[in-house]
Amino acid sequence: MKMLPEIIKNLFRKKATRNYPAVKRVPFPNVRGELVNDISQCIFCKICETKCPANCIEIDKDKRTWTYDPMECVYCGICSESCPKKCLSHKPEYRPPMTKRQVITLRGKPLPPKPAPEEKKSDTDTSS
């Protein structure tokens, strides 16, 4: 019976937890959530791949693909800080929970074809 006053008090108090996912917490300022790449700005320089401590980013310069595994990412932000074009950024929200691994692959625009090298005419060529 000693607990009865405490039980009654708790019945009328504000709840200690949120009703997630119906009620979501407002993200803190500067939180690093889901990683996003503006692939149209990406130059496929491989700096983000090199700097990533979790090795969750893979870049293929020839195929112009940028692959990212969010299950391996530790959301440290080193990749977005080191990107010279600033095409990598973090959303303020995290990715929703998933039951299957999802690897994200983005494809950039193909490079324009290189012009064919022109043959140089030598000074000794005097054909008319």
N, C-alpha and C. Protein backbone atom coordinates (compact mmCIF):
# COMPACT_ATOMS: atom_id res chain seq x y z
N MET A 1 0.80 -1.20 0.00
CA MET A 1 0.00 0.00 0.00
C MET A 1 0.84 1.27 0.00
N LYS A 2 2.14 1.15 0.30
CA LYS A 2 3.00 2.32 0.29
C LYS A 2 3.16 2.87 -1.13
N MET A 3 2.99 2.01 -2.14
CA MET A 3 3.20 2.43 -3.52
C MET A 3 1.98 3.08 -4.14
N LEU A 4 0.84 3.00 -3.53
CA LEU A 4 -0.40 3.50 -4.10
C LEU A 4 -0.33 4.99 -4.46
N PRO A 5 0.18 5.88 -3.60
CA PRO A 5 0.26 7.30 -4.00
C PRO A 5 1.16 7.50 -5.23
N GLU A 6 2.24 6.74 -5.33
CA GLU A 6 3.14 6.86 -6.48
C GLU A 6 2.46 6.38 -7.75
N ILE A 7 1.70 5.32 -7.67
CA ILE A 7 0.97 4.79 -8.83
C ILE A 7 -0.06 5.80 -9.31
N ILE A 8 -0.77 6.40 -8.41
CA ILE A 8 -1.78 7.40 -8.78
C ILE A 8 -1.11 8.62 -9.42
N LYS A 9 0.03 9.05 -8.88
CA LYS A 9 0.77 10.17 -9.44
C LYS A 9 1.20 9.86 -10.88
N ASN A 10 1.68 8.65 -11.12
CA ASN A 10 2.15 8.26 -12.45
C ASN A 10 1.02 8.14 -13.46
N LEU A 11 -0.17 7.85 -13.02
CA LEU A 11 -1.30 7.76 -13.94
C LEU A 11 -1.64 9.11 -14.57
N PHE A 12 -1.38 10.19 -13.86
CA PHE A 12 -1.75 11.52 -14.34
C PHE A 12 -0.57 12.34 -14.85
N ARG A 13 0.61 11.78 -14.83
CA ARG A 13 1.79 12.45 -15.35
C ARG A 13 1.88 12.32 -16.86
N LYS A 14 2.68 13.20 -17.45
CA LYS A 14 2.97 13.12 -18.87
C LYS A 14 3.77 11.84 -19.13
N LYS A 15 3.54 11.20 -20.26
CA LYS A 15 4.25 9.97 -20.60
C LYS A 15 5.75 10.23 -20.74
N ALA A 16 6.54 9.28 -20.36
CA ALA A 16 7.99 9.42 -20.39
C ALA A 16 8.57 9.10 -21.77
N THR A 17 7.81 8.41 -22.62
CA THR A 17 8.30 8.03 -23.95
C THR A 17 7.37 8.55 -25.03
N ARG A 18 7.87 8.57 -26.27
CA ARG A 18 7.06 8.97 -27.41
C ARG A 18 6.36 7.75 -27.99
N ASN A 19 5.29 7.99 -28.70
CA ASN A 19 4.58 6.92 -29.40
C ASN A 19 5.18 6.79 -30.80
N TYR A 20 6.46 6.33 -30.85
CA TYR A 20 7.16 6.18 -32.12
C TYR A 20 6.57 5.02 -32.90
N PRO A 21 6.38 5.09 -34.18
CA PRO A 21 6.74 6.09 -35.16
C PRO A 21 5.70 7.17 -35.39
N ALA A 22 4.57 7.12 -34.71
CA ALA A 22 3.54 8.15 -34.91
C ALA A 22 4.06 9.52 -34.48
N VAL A 23 4.82 9.58 -33.41
CA VAL A 23 5.38 10.84 -32.92
C VAL A 23 6.91 10.71 -32.99
N LYS A 24 7.51 11.51 -33.88
CA LYS A 24 8.96 11.46 -34.05
C LYS A 24 9.60 12.66 -33.37
N ARG A 25 10.80 12.45 -32.88
CA ARG A 25 11.56 13.52 -32.24
C ARG A 25 12.11 14.46 -33.30
N VAL A 26 12.14 15.73 -33.01
CA VAL A 26 12.75 16.71 -33.90
C VAL A 26 14.26 16.49 -33.86
N PRO A 27 14.91 16.39 -35.02
CA PRO A 27 16.36 16.13 -35.02
C PRO A 27 17.14 17.27 -34.37
N PHE A 28 18.25 16.92 -33.76
CA PHE A 28 19.13 17.91 -33.17
C PHE A 28 19.80 18.72 -34.28
N PRO A 29 20.24 19.93 -34.00
CA PRO A 29 20.95 20.71 -35.02
C PRO A 29 22.25 20.00 -35.41
N ASN A 30 22.59 20.08 -36.68
CA ASN A 30 23.83 19.52 -37.24
C ASN A 30 23.93 18.00 -37.12
N VAL A 31 22.81 17.29 -37.02
CA VAL A 31 22.87 15.83 -36.96
C VAL A 31 23.22 15.31 -38.36
N ARG A 32 24.02 14.25 -38.41
CA ARG A 32 24.40 13.65 -39.69
C ARG A 32 23.57 12.39 -39.89
N GLY A 33 22.54 12.51 -40.69
CA GLY A 33 21.67 11.38 -40.97
C GLY A 33 22.05 10.71 -42.28
N GLU A 34 21.06 10.41 -43.08
CA GLU A 34 21.26 9.68 -44.33
C GLU A 34 22.19 10.44 -45.29
N LEU A 35 23.13 9.73 -45.89
CA LEU A 35 24.08 10.31 -46.83
C LEU A 35 23.42 10.43 -48.20
N VAL A 36 23.57 11.60 -48.83
CA VAL A 36 23.00 11.85 -50.14
C VAL A 36 24.09 12.37 -51.07
N ASN A 37 24.02 11.98 -52.33
CA ASN A 37 24.99 12.43 -53.32
C ASN A 37 24.26 13.10 -54.47
N ASP A 38 24.64 14.34 -54.78
CA ASP A 38 24.14 15.02 -55.98
C ASP A 38 25.04 14.56 -57.13
N ILE A 39 24.64 13.47 -57.75
CA ILE A 39 25.49 12.78 -58.73
C ILE A 39 25.80 13.66 -59.93
N SER A 40 24.99 14.67 -60.22
CA SER A 40 25.25 15.55 -61.35
C SER A 40 26.48 16.43 -61.10
N GLN A 41 26.86 16.64 -59.84
CA GLN A 41 28.03 17.44 -59.49
C GLN A 41 29.28 16.59 -59.26
N CYS A 42 29.10 15.28 -59.10
CA CYS A 42 30.21 14.38 -58.75
C CYS A 42 31.20 14.26 -59.90
N ILE A 43 32.50 14.33 -59.57
CA ILE A 43 33.54 14.18 -60.58
C ILE A 43 34.25 12.83 -60.48
N PHE A 44 33.76 11.96 -59.61
CA PHE A 44 34.27 10.60 -59.43
C PHE A 44 35.77 10.60 -59.15
N CYS A 45 36.18 11.47 -58.23
CA CYS A 45 37.60 11.63 -57.91
C CYS A 45 38.11 10.58 -56.91
N LYS A 46 37.23 9.86 -56.28
CA LYS A 46 37.55 8.78 -55.33
C LYS A 46 38.07 9.27 -53.99
N ILE A 47 37.99 10.56 -53.71
CA ILE A 47 38.46 11.06 -52.41
C ILE A 47 37.56 10.54 -51.29
N CYS A 48 36.25 10.55 -51.50
CA CYS A 48 35.33 10.06 -50.46
C CYS A 48 35.55 8.58 -50.20
N GLU A 49 35.82 7.81 -51.24
CA GLU A 49 36.09 6.38 -51.09
C GLU A 49 37.37 6.16 -50.28
N THR A 50 38.38 6.95 -50.55
CA THR A 50 39.67 6.81 -49.87
C THR A 50 39.57 7.22 -48.40
N LYS A 51 38.83 8.29 -48.13
CA LYS A 51 38.76 8.82 -46.76
C LYS A 51 37.78 8.06 -45.86
N CYS A 52 36.84 7.32 -46.42
CA CYS A 52 35.79 6.65 -45.63
C CYS A 52 36.40 5.58 -44.71
N PRO A 53 36.27 5.73 -43.39
CA PRO A 53 36.85 4.74 -42.48
C PRO A 53 36.09 3.42 -42.47
N ALA A 54 34.84 3.43 -42.90
CA ALA A 54 34.03 2.20 -42.91
C ALA A 54 34.09 1.47 -44.25
N ASN A 55 34.73 2.06 -45.24
CA ASN A 55 34.81 1.49 -46.59
C ASN A 55 33.43 1.16 -47.15
N CYS A 56 32.49 2.06 -46.98
CA CYS A 56 31.14 1.80 -47.47
C CYS A 56 30.87 2.47 -48.82
N ILE A 57 31.85 3.17 -49.36
CA ILE A 57 31.69 3.85 -50.65
C ILE A 57 32.65 3.23 -51.66
N GLU A 58 32.13 2.94 -52.86
CA GLU A 58 32.95 2.42 -53.95
C GLU A 58 32.67 3.25 -55.19
N ILE A 59 33.72 3.63 -55.89
CA ILE A 59 33.58 4.44 -57.09
C ILE A 59 34.27 3.74 -58.25
N ASP A 60 33.58 3.69 -59.39
CA ASP A 60 34.16 3.17 -60.62
C ASP A 60 34.20 4.32 -61.62
N LYS A 61 35.42 4.83 -61.87
CA LYS A 61 35.57 5.99 -62.76
C LYS A 61 35.16 5.66 -64.19
N ASP A 62 35.51 4.45 -64.65
CA ASP A 62 35.24 4.07 -66.04
C ASP A 62 33.73 3.96 -66.29
N LYS A 63 33.02 3.31 -65.38
CA LYS A 63 31.57 3.15 -65.54
C LYS A 63 30.80 4.35 -65.00
N ARG A 64 31.52 5.25 -64.29
CA ARG A 64 30.93 6.45 -63.68
C ARG A 64 29.79 6.07 -62.73
N THR A 65 30.11 5.16 -61.80
CA THR A 65 29.13 4.75 -60.79
C THR A 65 29.66 5.07 -59.40
N TRP A 66 28.75 5.42 -58.53
CA TRP A 66 29.03 5.71 -57.12
C TRP A 66 28.14 4.78 -56.31
N THR A 67 28.73 3.87 -55.55
CA THR A 67 27.97 2.87 -54.79
C THR A 67 28.19 3.09 -53.31
N TYR A 68 27.09 3.00 -52.56
CA TYR A 68 27.11 3.31 -51.13
C TYR A 68 26.29 2.27 -50.38
N ASP A 69 26.87 1.71 -49.32
CA ASP A 69 26.17 0.73 -48.49
C ASP A 69 25.83 1.37 -47.15
N PRO A 70 24.57 1.78 -46.94
CA PRO A 70 24.20 2.45 -45.69
C PRO A 70 24.30 1.57 -44.45
N MET A 71 24.30 0.25 -44.62
CA MET A 71 24.42 -0.64 -43.46
C MET A 71 25.84 -0.62 -42.88
N GLU A 72 26.82 -0.25 -43.69
CA GLU A 72 28.20 -0.19 -43.22
C GLU A 72 28.60 1.21 -42.75
N CYS A 73 27.86 2.22 -43.17
CA CYS A 73 28.20 3.61 -42.87
C CYS A 73 28.08 3.89 -41.37
N VAL A 74 29.05 4.65 -40.84
CA VAL A 74 29.03 5.03 -39.42
C VAL A 74 28.62 6.49 -39.26
N TYR A 75 28.25 7.15 -40.36
CA TYR A 75 27.75 8.53 -40.35
C TYR A 75 28.71 9.50 -39.69
N CYS A 76 29.99 9.33 -39.99
CA CYS A 76 31.02 10.20 -39.38
C CYS A 76 31.11 11.54 -40.09
N GLY A 77 30.77 11.60 -41.38
CA GLY A 77 30.79 12.84 -42.13
C GLY A 77 32.12 13.16 -42.78
N ILE A 78 33.10 12.28 -42.68
CA ILE A 78 34.41 12.55 -43.27
C ILE A 78 34.30 12.64 -44.79
N CYS A 79 33.48 11.81 -45.39
CA CYS A 79 33.33 11.81 -46.85
C CYS A 79 32.77 13.14 -47.34
N SER A 80 31.74 13.64 -46.69
CA SER A 80 31.13 14.90 -47.13
C SER A 80 32.04 16.09 -46.86
N GLU A 81 32.85 16.03 -45.81
CA GLU A 81 33.79 17.12 -45.52
C GLU A 81 34.94 17.15 -46.52
N SER A 82 35.35 15.98 -47.02
CA SER A 82 36.51 15.91 -47.91
C SER A 82 36.14 16.04 -49.39
N CYS A 83 34.88 16.04 -49.73
CA CYS A 83 34.45 16.12 -51.14
C CYS A 83 34.80 17.50 -51.72
N PRO A 84 35.61 17.55 -52.79
CA PRO A 84 36.00 18.84 -53.35
C PRO A 84 34.85 19.58 -54.03
N LYS A 85 33.87 18.87 -54.54
CA LYS A 85 32.72 19.50 -55.21
C LYS A 85 31.53 19.71 -54.27
N LYS A 86 31.65 19.25 -53.03
CA LYS A 86 30.58 19.36 -52.02
C LYS A 86 29.25 18.79 -52.53
N CYS A 87 29.35 17.67 -53.28
CA CYS A 87 28.13 17.02 -53.77
C CYS A 87 27.59 16.01 -52.75
N LEU A 88 28.37 15.67 -51.72
CA LEU A 88 27.90 14.78 -50.67
C LEU A 88 27.38 15.61 -49.51
N SER A 89 26.25 15.18 -48.96
CA SER A 89 25.68 15.86 -47.80
C SER A 89 24.89 14.85 -46.97
N HIS A 90 24.53 15.26 -45.78
CA HIS A 90 23.75 14.41 -44.89
C HIS A 90 22.40 15.05 -44.64
N LYS A 91 21.34 14.24 -44.76
CA LYS A 91 20.01 14.71 -44.39
C LYS A 91 19.93 14.77 -42.86
N PRO A 92 19.03 15.56 -42.32
CA PRO A 92 18.90 15.59 -40.86
C PRO A 92 18.19 14.35 -40.29
N GLU A 93 17.60 13.50 -41.15
CA GLU A 93 16.92 12.30 -40.68
C GLU A 93 17.74 11.07 -41.05
N TYR A 94 17.57 10.01 -40.28
CA TYR A 94 18.20 8.74 -40.59
C TYR A 94 17.31 7.95 -41.53
N ARG A 95 17.89 6.95 -42.18
CA ARG A 95 17.11 6.08 -43.05
C ARG A 95 16.14 5.27 -42.20
N PRO A 96 14.97 4.93 -42.73
CA PRO A 96 14.06 4.08 -41.96
C PRO A 96 14.63 2.68 -41.82
N PRO A 97 14.26 1.96 -40.77
CA PRO A 97 14.76 0.59 -40.59
C PRO A 97 14.33 -0.31 -41.75
N MET A 98 15.19 -1.23 -42.13
CA MET A 98 14.88 -2.15 -43.23
C MET A 98 15.18 -3.57 -42.81
N THR A 99 14.51 -4.50 -43.46
CA THR A 99 14.73 -5.91 -43.16
C THR A 99 15.75 -6.53 -44.10
N LYS A 100 15.99 -5.89 -45.26
CA LYS A 100 16.95 -6.41 -46.23
C LYS A 100 17.99 -5.34 -46.52
N ARG A 101 19.19 -5.78 -46.79
CA ARG A 101 20.28 -4.87 -47.12
C ARG A 101 19.99 -4.20 -48.46
N GLN A 102 20.17 -2.90 -48.51
CA GLN A 102 19.93 -2.15 -49.74
C GLN A 102 21.18 -1.33 -50.05
N VAL A 103 21.84 -1.64 -51.15
CA VAL A 103 23.02 -0.91 -51.58
C VAL A 103 22.57 0.09 -52.64
N ILE A 104 23.01 1.33 -52.49
CA ILE A 104 22.59 2.40 -53.39
C ILE A 104 23.67 2.60 -54.45
N THR A 105 23.29 2.53 -55.72
CA THR A 105 24.21 2.78 -56.82
C THR A 105 23.66 3.90 -57.67
N LEU A 106 24.47 4.94 -57.83
CA LEU A 106 24.09 6.08 -58.67
C LEU A 106 25.02 6.12 -59.88
N ARG A 107 24.44 6.45 -61.04
CA ARG A 107 25.23 6.53 -62.26
C ARG A 107 25.30 7.97 -62.74
N GLY A 108 26.50 8.39 -63.07
CA GLY A 108 26.71 9.73 -63.60
C GLY A 108 26.54 9.74 -65.10
N LYS A 109 26.55 10.92 -65.66
CA LYS A 109 26.46 11.04 -67.11
C LYS A 109 27.74 10.49 -67.72
N PRO A 110 27.61 9.78 -68.86
CA PRO A 110 28.83 9.27 -69.49
C PRO A 110 29.69 10.43 -69.99
N LEU A 111 30.98 10.20 -70.01
CA LEU A 111 31.90 11.21 -70.50
C LEU A 111 31.72 11.39 -72.00
N PRO A 112 31.88 12.61 -72.51
CA PRO A 112 31.79 12.78 -73.96
C PRO A 112 32.96 12.07 -74.63
N PRO A 113 32.74 11.57 -75.84
CA PRO A 113 33.83 10.85 -76.51
C PRO A 113 35.00 11.79 -76.79
N LYS A 114 36.20 11.25 -76.68
CA LYS A 114 37.39 12.04 -76.96
C LYS A 114 37.52 12.25 -78.45
N PRO A 115 37.92 13.46 -78.86
CA PRO A 115 38.09 13.69 -80.31
C PRO A 115 39.27 12.87 -80.83
N ALA A 116 39.13 12.44 -82.07
CA ALA A 116 40.20 11.65 -82.68
C ALA A 116 41.41 12.54 -82.87
N PRO A 117 42.59 12.01 -82.61
CA PRO A 117 43.80 12.84 -82.79
C PRO A 117 44.01 13.13 -84.27
N GLU A 118 44.30 14.39 -84.56
CA GLU A 118 44.54 14.79 -85.95
C GLU A 118 45.96 14.43 -86.33
N GLU A 119 46.12 14.05 -87.58
CA GLU A 119 47.46 13.71 -88.06
C GLU A 119 48.20 15.02 -88.31
N LYS A 120 49.42 15.07 -87.82
CA LYS A 120 50.23 16.25 -88.03
C LYS A 120 50.93 16.16 -89.38
N LYS A 121 50.87 17.27 -90.09
CA LYS A 121 51.56 17.31 -91.37
C LYS A 121 52.98 17.76 -91.11
N SER A 122 53.88 17.09 -91.73
CA SER A 122 55.28 17.48 -91.55
C SER A 122 55.64 18.57 -92.55
N ASP A 123 56.67 19.31 -92.26
CA ASP A 123 57.12 20.40 -93.14
C ASP A 123 57.69 19.86 -94.44
N THR A 124 58.11 18.60 -94.44
CA THR A 124 58.71 18.02 -95.65
C THR A 124 57.64 17.51 -96.60
N ASP A 125 56.40 17.46 -96.16
CA ASP A 125 55.31 16.99 -97.04
C ASP A 125 54.94 18.12 -97.98
N THR A 126 55.28 17.99 -99.28
CA THR A 126 55.03 19.05 -100.24
C THR A 126 54.05 18.62 -101.33
N SER A 127 53.22 17.69 -101.04
CA SER A 127 52.26 17.25 -102.06
C SER A 127 51.18 18.29 -102.22
N SER A 128 50.77 18.55 -103.48
CA SER A 128 49.74 19.56 -103.74
C SER A 128 48.54 18.95 -104.37
